[in-house]
Amino acid sequence: MSIFRNTIPLLSALALLTSMLFVGLRPTLAQTYVFAVPATRMQVFVQTDGSARIVYDFTFANASYGSPLDIFDIGMPTDDYRLSSVSASLDGVPARRIGESSYVDQAVEIEVSNPIGSGETGTLHVEFNVPDLVYQDVTREGYASLQITPTWFDSDLVSRGGDLDIAIHMLPGITPDEVLSQQVAFSDKALFNERAVALFHKSDWSAASAYR
């Protein structure tokens, strides 16, 4: 279940640590890839071992003259991700194949059997685990920190971006009041399924550069 269906509209931006993340669609001879990304949703579920479960939902709107969108290269937060943990689907149809990307460093390659056709819109759902994303906060005793940047897209392929929503789900037992921000304030905080959640929103994200 997504918290985005159960919260009020979000208000402001997020400062996140930049990793070399990238989402691409691979152009080849006689193919034209041009698409919009009107909505990106990222959920991060902190785990007790310091890892995180990351859940993405990307909405792609293919150009009216665009080639079918059939292979997606999804950037990972670190190179220590677990390929075996990655699952993906497009509009509810499981991906045909998931492997290491041969096109983008530190990324997975997702091939779908139901491409997004010219002028059509589809939502790519991706889930995976990444270890060691939580560490000791050096600025405040007794606190742990998490910094992460959502993946972005090739600027040569993106015609426009849209809304970016991020939800970071803390461990059970932590209250919203105990969740602190650094540099940029949260858009909102909430309690959802017994977890405190930090919420961030950007309405004019280009989808083609790192959102710091």
N, C-alpha and C. Protein backbone atom coordinates (compact mmCIF):
# COMPACT_ATOMS: atom_id res chain seq x y z
N MET A 1 0.84 -1.19 0.00
CA MET A 1 0.00 0.00 0.00
C MET A 1 0.87 1.24 0.00
N SER A 2 0.49 2.25 -0.72
CA SER A 2 1.27 3.48 -0.81
C SER A 2 0.73 4.53 0.13
N ILE A 3 1.61 5.19 0.86
CA ILE A 3 1.19 6.27 1.75
C ILE A 3 0.67 7.45 0.96
N PHE A 4 1.05 7.58 -0.30
CA PHE A 4 0.65 8.74 -1.08
C PHE A 4 -0.86 8.78 -1.29
N ARG A 5 -1.52 7.67 -1.12
CA ARG A 5 -2.98 7.64 -1.26
C ARG A 5 -3.67 8.09 0.01
N ASN A 6 -2.93 8.32 1.07
CA ASN A 6 -3.53 8.56 2.37
C ASN A 6 -3.00 9.82 3.05
N THR A 7 -2.32 10.70 2.33
CA THR A 7 -1.78 11.91 2.94
C THR A 7 -2.30 13.12 2.22
N ILE A 8 -2.22 14.26 2.90
CA ILE A 8 -2.62 15.53 2.31
C ILE A 8 -1.60 15.93 1.26
N PRO A 9 -1.92 16.89 0.36
CA PRO A 9 -0.94 17.32 -0.64
C PRO A 9 0.35 17.79 0.01
N LEU A 10 1.46 17.48 -0.59
CA LEU A 10 2.76 17.81 -0.03
C LEU A 10 3.17 19.20 -0.50
N LEU A 11 4.16 19.81 0.21
CA LEU A 11 4.39 21.22 0.00
C LEU A 11 5.75 21.61 -0.53
N SER A 12 6.87 21.03 -0.06
CA SER A 12 8.16 21.63 -0.39
C SER A 12 9.18 20.61 -0.82
N ALA A 13 10.46 21.01 -0.89
CA ALA A 13 11.50 20.21 -1.54
C ALA A 13 12.35 19.42 -0.56
N LEU A 14 13.27 18.64 -1.09
CA LEU A 14 14.08 17.72 -0.29
C LEU A 14 15.54 17.85 -0.66
N ALA A 15 16.42 17.81 0.36
CA ALA A 15 17.85 17.74 0.09
C ALA A 15 18.31 16.32 0.35
N LEU A 16 18.89 15.67 -0.63
CA LEU A 16 19.31 14.27 -0.55
C LEU A 16 20.72 14.12 -1.09
N LEU A 17 21.46 13.18 -0.55
CA LEU A 17 22.81 12.91 -1.01
C LEU A 17 22.78 12.37 -2.43
N THR A 18 23.61 12.94 -3.29
CA THR A 18 23.63 12.54 -4.69
C THR A 18 24.51 11.32 -4.90
N SER A 19 23.97 10.31 -5.55
CA SER A 19 24.75 9.17 -6.02
C SER A 19 24.74 9.20 -7.54
N MET A 20 25.60 8.44 -8.15
CA MET A 20 25.63 8.40 -9.61
C MET A 20 24.50 7.50 -10.10
N LEU A 21 23.31 8.07 -10.11
CA LEU A 21 22.12 7.33 -10.50
C LEU A 21 21.66 7.80 -11.87
N PHE A 22 21.00 6.92 -12.57
CA PHE A 22 20.61 7.26 -13.93
C PHE A 22 19.56 6.29 -14.41
N VAL A 23 18.54 6.80 -15.07
CA VAL A 23 17.59 5.93 -15.75
C VAL A 23 17.67 6.23 -17.22
N GLY A 24 17.79 5.24 -18.04
CA GLY A 24 17.88 5.47 -19.47
C GLY A 24 16.97 4.57 -20.26
N LEU A 25 16.71 4.98 -21.46
CA LEU A 25 16.11 4.11 -22.46
C LEU A 25 17.08 4.11 -23.61
N ARG A 26 17.45 2.95 -24.10
CA ARG A 26 18.60 2.85 -25.00
C ARG A 26 18.22 3.12 -26.44
N PRO A 27 18.65 4.23 -26.99
CA PRO A 27 18.36 4.50 -28.40
C PRO A 27 19.26 3.69 -29.31
N THR A 28 18.70 3.10 -30.35
CA THR A 28 19.48 2.39 -31.35
C THR A 28 19.09 2.91 -32.72
N LEU A 29 19.78 2.46 -33.73
CA LEU A 29 19.54 2.94 -35.08
C LEU A 29 18.07 2.81 -35.46
N ALA A 30 17.52 3.88 -36.03
CA ALA A 30 16.14 3.92 -36.53
C ALA A 30 15.12 3.92 -35.41
N GLN A 31 15.55 4.20 -34.16
CA GLN A 31 14.60 4.31 -33.06
C GLN A 31 14.63 5.73 -32.50
N THR A 32 13.46 6.21 -32.07
CA THR A 32 13.35 7.54 -31.49
C THR A 32 12.71 7.41 -30.12
N TYR A 33 13.48 7.70 -29.07
CA TYR A 33 12.97 7.66 -27.71
C TYR A 33 12.81 9.08 -27.18
N VAL A 34 11.58 9.51 -27.02
CA VAL A 34 11.26 10.80 -26.40
C VAL A 34 10.04 10.59 -25.52
N PHE A 35 10.15 10.95 -24.25
CA PHE A 35 9.04 10.67 -23.33
C PHE A 35 9.01 11.72 -22.23
N ALA A 36 7.85 11.84 -21.60
CA ALA A 36 7.67 12.68 -20.41
C ALA A 36 7.59 11.78 -19.19
N VAL A 37 7.89 12.36 -18.03
CA VAL A 37 7.78 11.64 -16.76
C VAL A 37 6.89 12.47 -15.83
N PRO A 38 5.59 12.41 -16.02
CA PRO A 38 4.70 13.29 -15.25
C PRO A 38 4.63 12.98 -13.77
N ALA A 39 5.00 11.78 -13.36
CA ALA A 39 4.93 11.44 -11.92
C ALA A 39 5.99 10.40 -11.58
N THR A 40 6.71 10.66 -10.51
CA THR A 40 7.66 9.70 -9.95
C THR A 40 7.40 9.59 -8.46
N ARG A 41 7.20 8.37 -8.00
CA ARG A 41 6.99 8.12 -6.57
C ARG A 41 8.05 7.15 -6.07
N MET A 42 8.69 7.54 -4.98
CA MET A 42 9.75 6.72 -4.39
C MET A 42 9.41 6.50 -2.92
N GLN A 43 9.39 5.23 -2.50
CA GLN A 43 9.22 4.90 -1.09
C GLN A 43 10.44 4.13 -0.60
N VAL A 44 10.93 4.51 0.57
CA VAL A 44 12.11 3.89 1.17
C VAL A 44 11.70 3.34 2.53
N PHE A 45 11.81 2.03 2.70
CA PHE A 45 11.43 1.37 3.95
C PHE A 45 12.70 0.94 4.68
N VAL A 46 13.02 1.63 5.78
CA VAL A 46 14.21 1.32 6.56
C VAL A 46 14.04 -0.04 7.24
N GLN A 47 15.09 -0.87 7.20
CA GLN A 47 15.07 -2.19 7.80
C GLN A 47 15.97 -2.22 9.05
N THR A 48 15.74 -3.21 9.91
CA THR A 48 16.47 -3.26 11.18
C THR A 48 17.96 -3.50 11.01
N ASP A 49 18.39 -4.06 9.88
CA ASP A 49 19.81 -4.34 9.66
C ASP A 49 20.54 -3.18 8.98
N GLY A 50 19.87 -2.03 8.84
CA GLY A 50 20.48 -0.87 8.21
C GLY A 50 20.31 -0.82 6.71
N SER A 51 19.66 -1.82 6.15
CA SER A 51 19.36 -1.80 4.72
C SER A 51 18.04 -1.06 4.49
N ALA A 52 17.64 -0.98 3.22
CA ALA A 52 16.37 -0.34 2.90
C ALA A 52 15.72 -1.06 1.73
N ARG A 53 14.42 -1.15 1.79
CA ARG A 53 13.62 -1.64 0.67
C ARG A 53 13.12 -0.42 -0.09
N ILE A 54 13.44 -0.32 -1.36
CA ILE A 54 13.08 0.84 -2.16
C ILE A 54 12.02 0.44 -3.18
N VAL A 55 10.99 1.25 -3.27
CA VAL A 55 9.87 1.00 -4.17
C VAL A 55 9.66 2.23 -5.04
N TYR A 56 9.73 2.04 -6.34
CA TYR A 56 9.52 3.12 -7.31
C TYR A 56 8.24 2.87 -8.11
N ASP A 57 7.58 3.98 -8.46
CA ASP A 57 6.52 3.96 -9.47
C ASP A 57 6.76 5.14 -10.40
N PHE A 58 7.18 4.85 -11.63
CA PHE A 58 7.44 5.87 -12.64
C PHE A 58 6.30 5.87 -13.65
N THR A 59 5.72 7.03 -13.89
CA THR A 59 4.73 7.15 -14.96
C THR A 59 5.42 7.75 -16.18
N PHE A 60 5.42 7.00 -17.28
CA PHE A 60 6.02 7.45 -18.53
C PHE A 60 4.92 7.77 -19.53
N ALA A 61 5.06 8.90 -20.21
CA ALA A 61 4.15 9.27 -21.30
C ALA A 61 4.98 9.32 -22.58
N ASN A 62 4.81 8.33 -23.44
CA ASN A 62 5.59 8.26 -24.66
C ASN A 62 5.13 9.33 -25.64
N ALA A 63 6.08 9.90 -26.39
CA ALA A 63 5.74 10.88 -27.41
C ALA A 63 4.92 10.23 -28.51
N SER A 64 4.14 11.05 -29.20
CA SER A 64 3.27 10.53 -30.27
C SER A 64 4.08 9.93 -31.41
N TYR A 65 5.35 10.36 -31.53
CA TYR A 65 6.22 9.84 -32.59
C TYR A 65 7.31 8.94 -32.02
N GLY A 66 7.22 8.61 -30.74
CA GLY A 66 8.27 7.84 -30.10
C GLY A 66 8.21 6.36 -30.40
N SER A 67 9.38 5.73 -30.41
CA SER A 67 9.44 4.27 -30.52
C SER A 67 8.89 3.64 -29.24
N PRO A 68 8.40 2.42 -29.29
CA PRO A 68 7.88 1.76 -28.09
C PRO A 68 8.94 1.72 -26.98
N LEU A 69 8.54 2.01 -25.77
CA LEU A 69 9.44 1.97 -24.62
C LEU A 69 9.42 0.56 -24.05
N ASP A 70 10.48 -0.19 -24.29
CA ASP A 70 10.46 -1.61 -23.96
C ASP A 70 11.59 -2.05 -23.04
N ILE A 71 12.66 -1.25 -22.92
CA ILE A 71 13.77 -1.58 -22.03
C ILE A 71 14.11 -0.36 -21.20
N PHE A 72 14.19 -0.54 -19.89
CA PHE A 72 14.45 0.55 -18.96
C PHE A 72 15.71 0.22 -18.16
N ASP A 73 16.60 1.20 -18.02
CA ASP A 73 17.78 1.04 -17.20
C ASP A 73 17.60 1.88 -15.94
N ILE A 74 17.49 1.20 -14.79
CA ILE A 74 17.15 1.86 -13.53
C ILE A 74 18.38 1.95 -12.65
N GLY A 75 18.80 3.18 -12.34
CA GLY A 75 19.97 3.40 -11.50
C GLY A 75 19.74 2.97 -10.07
N MET A 76 20.79 2.45 -9.44
CA MET A 76 20.75 1.99 -8.06
C MET A 76 21.45 3.02 -7.15
N PRO A 77 21.05 3.12 -5.88
CA PRO A 77 21.68 4.08 -4.96
C PRO A 77 23.16 3.82 -4.72
N THR A 78 23.56 2.54 -4.70
CA THR A 78 24.96 2.17 -4.54
C THR A 78 25.22 0.97 -5.45
N ASP A 79 26.50 0.61 -5.57
CA ASP A 79 26.81 -0.57 -6.38
C ASP A 79 26.72 -1.86 -5.58
N ASP A 80 26.22 -1.77 -4.35
CA ASP A 80 26.10 -2.93 -3.47
C ASP A 80 24.66 -3.45 -3.43
N TYR A 81 23.89 -3.15 -4.45
CA TYR A 81 22.50 -3.60 -4.47
C TYR A 81 22.45 -5.11 -4.74
N ARG A 82 21.29 -5.70 -4.47
CA ARG A 82 21.10 -7.14 -4.65
C ARG A 82 20.21 -7.38 -5.86
N LEU A 83 20.81 -7.85 -6.93
CA LEU A 83 20.05 -8.08 -8.16
C LEU A 83 18.92 -9.08 -7.92
N SER A 84 19.18 -10.07 -7.08
CA SER A 84 18.18 -11.10 -6.82
C SER A 84 16.93 -10.54 -6.14
N SER A 85 17.06 -9.34 -5.55
CA SER A 85 15.93 -8.75 -4.84
C SER A 85 15.06 -7.88 -5.75
N VAL A 86 15.51 -7.64 -6.98
CA VAL A 86 14.81 -6.71 -7.87
C VAL A 86 13.62 -7.38 -8.52
N SER A 87 12.48 -6.73 -8.43
CA SER A 87 11.28 -7.16 -9.15
C SER A 87 10.71 -5.94 -9.86
N ALA A 88 9.99 -6.18 -10.96
CA ALA A 88 9.46 -5.06 -11.73
C ALA A 88 8.25 -5.50 -12.53
N SER A 89 7.39 -4.54 -12.82
CA SER A 89 6.23 -4.79 -13.66
C SER A 89 5.84 -3.50 -14.35
N LEU A 90 5.20 -3.62 -15.49
CA LEU A 90 4.67 -2.47 -16.21
C LEU A 90 3.16 -2.62 -16.31
N ASP A 91 2.45 -1.70 -15.68
CA ASP A 91 0.99 -1.76 -15.63
C ASP A 91 0.50 -3.11 -15.13
N GLY A 92 1.21 -3.66 -14.14
CA GLY A 92 0.81 -4.92 -13.52
C GLY A 92 1.31 -6.17 -14.21
N VAL A 93 1.94 -6.04 -15.35
CA VAL A 93 2.47 -7.21 -16.08
C VAL A 93 3.94 -7.40 -15.69
N PRO A 94 4.29 -8.54 -15.10
CA PRO A 94 5.68 -8.76 -14.68
C PRO A 94 6.67 -8.59 -15.82
N ALA A 95 7.84 -8.05 -15.48
CA ALA A 95 8.89 -7.84 -16.48
C ALA A 95 9.30 -9.17 -17.11
N ARG A 96 9.67 -9.11 -18.37
CA ARG A 96 10.14 -10.30 -19.07
C ARG A 96 11.52 -10.72 -18.59
N ARG A 97 12.39 -9.72 -18.33
CA ARG A 97 13.77 -10.02 -17.94
C ARG A 97 14.33 -8.89 -17.11
N ILE A 98 15.13 -9.24 -16.08
CA ILE A 98 15.83 -8.26 -15.25
C ILE A 98 17.27 -8.71 -15.12
N GLY A 99 18.21 -7.84 -15.44
CA GLY A 99 19.62 -8.18 -15.35
C GLY A 99 20.47 -6.95 -15.11
N GLU A 100 21.79 -7.15 -15.08
CA GLU A 100 22.71 -6.02 -14.97
C GLU A 100 22.63 -5.20 -16.26
N SER A 101 22.64 -3.89 -16.12
CA SER A 101 22.58 -3.03 -17.29
C SER A 101 23.89 -3.09 -18.07
N SER A 102 23.77 -3.21 -19.37
CA SER A 102 24.94 -3.14 -20.25
C SER A 102 25.09 -1.74 -20.85
N TYR A 103 24.25 -0.82 -20.43
CA TYR A 103 24.19 0.51 -21.02
C TYR A 103 24.54 1.60 -20.01
N VAL A 104 24.19 1.37 -18.72
CA VAL A 104 24.38 2.36 -17.67
C VAL A 104 25.12 1.71 -16.50
N ASP A 105 26.14 2.38 -15.99
CA ASP A 105 26.84 1.88 -14.81
C ASP A 105 25.93 1.91 -13.59
N GLN A 106 26.12 0.97 -12.69
CA GLN A 106 25.39 0.90 -11.41
C GLN A 106 23.87 0.95 -11.66
N ALA A 107 23.41 0.05 -12.49
CA ALA A 107 21.99 0.05 -12.86
C ALA A 107 21.56 -1.35 -13.25
N VAL A 108 20.24 -1.56 -13.22
CA VAL A 108 19.68 -2.80 -13.70
C VAL A 108 18.91 -2.54 -14.99
N GLU A 109 18.82 -3.57 -15.80
CA GLU A 109 18.14 -3.51 -17.08
C GLU A 109 16.83 -4.27 -16.98
N ILE A 110 15.74 -3.60 -17.27
CA ILE A 110 14.42 -4.21 -17.17
C ILE A 110 13.77 -4.23 -18.56
N GLU A 111 13.49 -5.42 -19.05
CA GLU A 111 12.84 -5.58 -20.34
C GLU A 111 11.40 -6.01 -20.11
N VAL A 112 10.46 -5.33 -20.74
CA VAL A 112 9.05 -5.62 -20.54
C VAL A 112 8.47 -6.27 -21.80
N SER A 113 7.39 -7.00 -21.61
CA SER A 113 6.73 -7.67 -22.74
C SER A 113 5.55 -6.87 -23.27
N ASN A 114 5.21 -5.78 -22.58
CA ASN A 114 4.09 -4.93 -23.00
C ASN A 114 4.56 -3.48 -23.11
N PRO A 115 5.36 -3.17 -24.12
CA PRO A 115 5.96 -1.82 -24.25
C PRO A 115 4.91 -0.72 -24.25
N ILE A 116 5.37 0.47 -23.86
CA ILE A 116 4.52 1.66 -23.91
C ILE A 116 4.59 2.20 -25.33
N GLY A 117 3.49 2.14 -26.05
CA GLY A 117 3.47 2.53 -27.45
C GLY A 117 3.48 4.02 -27.66
N SER A 118 3.61 4.43 -28.89
CA SER A 118 3.60 5.85 -29.25
C SER A 118 2.32 6.52 -28.76
N GLY A 119 2.48 7.63 -28.05
CA GLY A 119 1.33 8.36 -27.55
C GLY A 119 0.66 7.75 -26.35
N GLU A 120 1.20 6.65 -25.82
CA GLU A 120 0.58 5.97 -24.69
C GLU A 120 1.30 6.28 -23.38
N THR A 121 0.64 5.94 -22.28
CA THR A 121 1.18 6.17 -20.94
C THR A 121 1.19 4.85 -20.17
N GLY A 122 2.22 4.63 -19.39
CA GLY A 122 2.31 3.43 -18.56
C GLY A 122 3.07 3.70 -17.29
N THR A 123 2.88 2.84 -16.30
CA THR A 123 3.55 2.99 -15.01
C THR A 123 4.45 1.80 -14.75
N LEU A 124 5.73 2.07 -14.59
CA LEU A 124 6.72 1.05 -14.28
C LEU A 124 6.90 0.98 -12.77
N HIS A 125 6.66 -0.21 -12.21
CA HIS A 125 6.81 -0.45 -10.77
C HIS A 125 8.07 -1.27 -10.54
N VAL A 126 8.95 -0.79 -9.65
CA VAL A 126 10.23 -1.46 -9.39
C VAL A 126 10.45 -1.53 -7.88
N GLU A 127 10.90 -2.69 -7.39
CA GLU A 127 11.24 -2.86 -5.98
C GLU A 127 12.59 -3.56 -5.88
N PHE A 128 13.38 -3.17 -4.86
CA PHE A 128 14.67 -3.83 -4.64
C PHE A 128 15.19 -3.50 -3.24
N ASN A 129 16.17 -4.28 -2.79
CA ASN A 129 16.83 -4.06 -1.50
C ASN A 129 18.24 -3.52 -1.72
N VAL A 130 18.66 -2.61 -0.83
CA VAL A 130 20.02 -2.09 -0.84
C VAL A 130 20.55 -2.12 0.59
N PRO A 131 21.69 -2.79 0.84
CA PRO A 131 22.23 -2.86 2.19
C PRO A 131 22.96 -1.58 2.59
N ASP A 132 23.14 -1.41 3.90
CA ASP A 132 24.04 -0.39 4.46
C ASP A 132 23.71 1.03 4.00
N LEU A 133 22.46 1.41 4.09
CA LEU A 133 22.07 2.78 3.77
C LEU A 133 21.88 3.64 5.01
N VAL A 134 21.83 3.02 6.17
CA VAL A 134 21.65 3.75 7.43
C VAL A 134 22.97 3.72 8.19
N TYR A 135 23.38 4.87 8.72
CA TYR A 135 24.66 4.95 9.42
C TYR A 135 24.55 5.88 10.63
N GLN A 136 25.57 5.90 11.45
CA GLN A 136 25.59 6.73 12.64
C GLN A 136 25.61 8.21 12.25
N ASP A 137 24.72 8.98 12.84
CA ASP A 137 24.69 10.43 12.61
C ASP A 137 25.82 11.07 13.41
N VAL A 138 26.73 11.75 12.72
CA VAL A 138 27.87 12.37 13.41
C VAL A 138 27.53 13.73 14.00
N THR A 139 26.34 14.24 13.72
CA THR A 139 25.96 15.56 14.23
C THR A 139 25.10 15.50 15.48
N ARG A 140 24.57 14.32 15.79
CA ARG A 140 23.66 14.22 16.94
C ARG A 140 23.80 12.84 17.57
N GLU A 141 24.20 12.80 18.83
CA GLU A 141 24.42 11.54 19.53
C GLU A 141 23.11 10.78 19.67
N GLY A 142 23.18 9.47 19.44
CA GLY A 142 22.01 8.63 19.61
C GLY A 142 21.10 8.58 18.39
N TYR A 143 21.49 9.24 17.31
CA TYR A 143 20.67 9.25 16.10
C TYR A 143 21.38 8.53 14.96
N ALA A 144 20.59 7.98 14.07
CA ALA A 144 21.09 7.41 12.82
C ALA A 144 20.64 8.30 11.67
N SER A 145 21.35 8.21 10.54
CA SER A 145 21.03 9.04 9.38
C SER A 145 20.81 8.20 8.13
N LEU A 146 20.00 8.74 7.25
CA LEU A 146 19.76 8.14 5.94
C LEU A 146 19.73 9.27 4.92
N GLN A 147 20.54 9.15 3.89
CA GLN A 147 20.54 10.10 2.79
C GLN A 147 20.45 9.32 1.48
N ILE A 148 19.61 9.79 0.56
CA ILE A 148 19.43 9.06 -0.68
C ILE A 148 18.92 10.02 -1.75
N THR A 149 19.24 9.73 -3.00
CA THR A 149 18.79 10.53 -4.14
C THR A 149 17.99 9.64 -5.09
N PRO A 150 16.81 10.06 -5.50
CA PRO A 150 16.08 9.25 -6.49
C PRO A 150 16.81 9.26 -7.83
N THR A 151 16.66 8.17 -8.55
CA THR A 151 17.29 8.08 -9.86
C THR A 151 16.68 9.09 -10.82
N TRP A 152 17.43 9.43 -11.89
CA TRP A 152 16.92 10.38 -12.85
C TRP A 152 17.10 9.85 -14.27
N PHE A 153 16.79 10.67 -15.25
CA PHE A 153 16.65 10.23 -16.63
C PHE A 153 17.58 10.99 -17.57
N ASP A 154 17.84 10.41 -18.71
CA ASP A 154 18.69 11.02 -19.72
C ASP A 154 18.02 12.29 -20.26
N SER A 155 18.69 13.43 -20.13
CA SER A 155 18.10 14.70 -20.56
C SER A 155 17.86 14.75 -22.06
N ASP A 156 18.57 13.93 -22.84
CA ASP A 156 18.34 13.90 -24.28
C ASP A 156 17.04 13.20 -24.65
N LEU A 157 16.47 12.48 -23.71
CA LEU A 157 15.27 11.70 -23.99
C LEU A 157 14.01 12.26 -23.33
N VAL A 158 14.18 13.06 -22.27
CA VAL A 158 13.04 13.54 -21.49
C VAL A 158 12.51 14.85 -22.06
N SER A 159 11.25 14.85 -22.46
CA SER A 159 10.63 16.07 -22.98
C SER A 159 10.16 16.98 -21.85
N ARG A 160 9.74 16.41 -20.75
CA ARG A 160 9.34 17.18 -19.57
C ARG A 160 9.26 16.26 -18.37
N GLY A 161 9.35 16.85 -17.18
CA GLY A 161 9.23 16.10 -15.95
C GLY A 161 7.85 16.27 -15.35
N GLY A 162 7.82 16.40 -14.02
CA GLY A 162 6.52 16.53 -13.35
C GLY A 162 6.67 16.43 -11.85
N ASP A 163 5.76 15.74 -11.20
CA ASP A 163 5.74 15.63 -9.74
C ASP A 163 6.69 14.54 -9.25
N LEU A 164 7.46 14.88 -8.22
CA LEU A 164 8.30 13.90 -7.53
C LEU A 164 7.82 13.82 -6.09
N ASP A 165 7.45 12.62 -5.63
CA ASP A 165 7.03 12.39 -4.25
C ASP A 165 7.91 11.32 -3.64
N ILE A 166 8.41 11.59 -2.44
CA ILE A 166 9.29 10.67 -1.73
C ILE A 166 8.73 10.45 -0.33
N ALA A 167 8.69 9.20 0.10
CA ALA A 167 8.28 8.85 1.46
C ALA A 167 9.33 7.92 2.05
N ILE A 168 9.89 8.31 3.20
CA ILE A 168 10.87 7.47 3.89
C ILE A 168 10.21 6.94 5.16
N HIS A 169 10.03 5.62 5.20
CA HIS A 169 9.33 4.95 6.30
C HIS A 169 10.36 4.50 7.34
N MET A 170 10.24 5.04 8.56
CA MET A 170 11.16 4.70 9.63
C MET A 170 10.80 3.34 10.25
N LEU A 171 11.66 2.88 11.16
CA LEU A 171 11.37 1.64 11.88
C LEU A 171 10.21 1.83 12.83
N PRO A 172 9.44 0.78 13.09
CA PRO A 172 8.37 0.87 14.09
C PRO A 172 8.93 1.31 15.44
N GLY A 173 8.16 2.09 16.17
CA GLY A 173 8.58 2.57 17.48
C GLY A 173 9.12 3.98 17.47
N ILE A 174 9.46 4.50 16.30
CA ILE A 174 9.92 5.88 16.18
C ILE A 174 8.70 6.76 15.91
N THR A 175 8.60 7.87 16.62
CA THR A 175 7.47 8.77 16.44
C THR A 175 7.83 9.84 15.40
N PRO A 176 6.83 10.44 14.77
CA PRO A 176 7.12 11.53 13.82
C PRO A 176 7.92 12.66 14.45
N ASP A 177 7.69 12.96 15.73
CA ASP A 177 8.42 14.05 16.38
C ASP A 177 9.91 13.74 16.51
N GLU A 178 10.28 12.46 16.51
CA GLU A 178 11.68 12.07 16.65
C GLU A 178 12.44 12.10 15.32
N VAL A 179 11.72 12.29 14.23
CA VAL A 179 12.34 12.31 12.91
C VAL A 179 12.75 13.74 12.60
N LEU A 180 14.04 13.93 12.36
CA LEU A 180 14.59 15.26 12.14
C LEU A 180 15.14 15.39 10.72
N SER A 181 15.16 16.61 10.21
CA SER A 181 15.71 16.87 8.88
C SER A 181 16.96 17.73 9.00
N GLN A 182 17.78 17.67 7.97
CA GLN A 182 18.96 18.52 7.89
C GLN A 182 18.93 19.26 6.57
N GLN A 183 19.27 20.52 6.58
CA GLN A 183 19.39 21.39 5.40
C GLN A 183 18.04 21.82 4.83
N VAL A 184 17.15 20.89 4.55
CA VAL A 184 15.85 21.23 3.97
C VAL A 184 14.76 20.54 4.78
N ALA A 185 13.70 21.28 5.08
CA ALA A 185 12.62 20.73 5.90
C ALA A 185 11.79 19.71 5.13
N PHE A 186 11.12 18.84 5.89
CA PHE A 186 10.17 17.91 5.29
C PHE A 186 9.00 18.67 4.69
N SER A 187 8.37 18.08 3.70
CA SER A 187 7.08 18.59 3.25
C SER A 187 6.01 18.29 4.29
N ASP A 188 6.14 17.12 4.91
CA ASP A 188 5.19 16.72 5.94
C ASP A 188 5.76 15.50 6.65
N LYS A 189 5.19 15.17 7.80
CA LYS A 189 5.48 13.92 8.50
C LYS A 189 4.16 13.30 8.89
N ALA A 190 4.14 11.96 8.95
CA ALA A 190 2.89 11.27 9.25
C ALA A 190 3.20 9.95 9.94
N LEU A 191 2.16 9.35 10.52
CA LEU A 191 2.24 8.00 11.06
C LEU A 191 1.39 7.11 10.17
N PHE A 192 2.01 6.10 9.56
CA PHE A 192 1.33 5.26 8.58
C PHE A 192 1.72 3.82 8.83
N ASN A 193 0.72 2.95 9.08
CA ASN A 193 0.98 1.54 9.36
C ASN A 193 2.03 1.36 10.46
N GLU A 194 1.88 2.15 11.53
CA GLU A 194 2.73 2.08 12.72
C GLU A 194 4.17 2.52 12.45
N ARG A 195 4.40 3.21 11.36
CA ARG A 195 5.73 3.73 11.06
C ARG A 195 5.65 5.25 10.86
N ALA A 196 6.61 5.96 11.45
CA ALA A 196 6.75 7.38 11.13
C ALA A 196 7.27 7.50 9.71
N VAL A 197 6.72 8.45 8.97
CA VAL A 197 7.10 8.61 7.57
C VAL A 197 7.46 10.07 7.32
N ALA A 198 8.63 10.28 6.73
CA ALA A 198 9.04 11.61 6.29
C ALA A 198 8.67 11.77 4.82
N LEU A 199 7.99 12.86 4.51
CA LEU A 199 7.45 13.07 3.17
C LEU A 199 8.09 14.29 2.52
N PHE A 200 8.37 14.15 1.24
CA PHE A 200 8.96 15.22 0.46
C PHE A 200 8.25 15.31 -0.89
N HIS A 201 8.11 16.53 -1.39
CA HIS A 201 7.42 16.72 -2.67
C HIS A 201 8.10 17.83 -3.46
N LYS A 202 8.24 17.60 -4.76
CA LYS A 202 8.69 18.65 -5.67
C LYS A 202 7.79 18.60 -6.90
N SER A 203 7.14 19.72 -7.19
CA SER A 203 6.13 19.72 -8.25
C SER A 203 6.70 20.04 -9.62
N ASP A 204 7.93 20.54 -9.67
CA ASP A 204 8.50 20.95 -10.96
C ASP A 204 9.81 20.24 -11.24
N TRP A 205 9.91 18.99 -10.82
CA TRP A 205 11.13 18.23 -11.03
C TRP A 205 11.34 17.97 -12.52
N SER A 206 12.53 18.24 -13.00
CA SER A 206 12.81 18.07 -14.43
C SER A 206 12.87 16.60 -14.82
N ALA A 207 13.13 15.71 -13.85
CA ALA A 207 13.30 14.27 -14.08
C ALA A 207 14.56 13.96 -14.88
N ALA A 208 15.39 14.97 -15.11
CA ALA A 208 16.59 14.77 -15.94
C ALA A 208 17.87 15.21 -15.23
N SER A 209 17.80 15.40 -13.91
CA SER A 209 18.99 15.76 -13.14
C SER A 209 18.79 15.29 -11.70
N ALA A 210 19.91 15.19 -10.97
CA ALA A 210 19.84 14.74 -9.59
C ALA A 210 19.05 15.73 -8.75
N TYR A 211 18.17 15.24 -7.92
CA TYR A 211 17.40 16.09 -7.01
C TYR A 211 18.10 16.05 -5.65
N ARG A 212 18.87 17.06 -5.35
CA ARG A 212 19.69 17.08 -4.14
C ARG A 212 18.84 17.50 -2.96
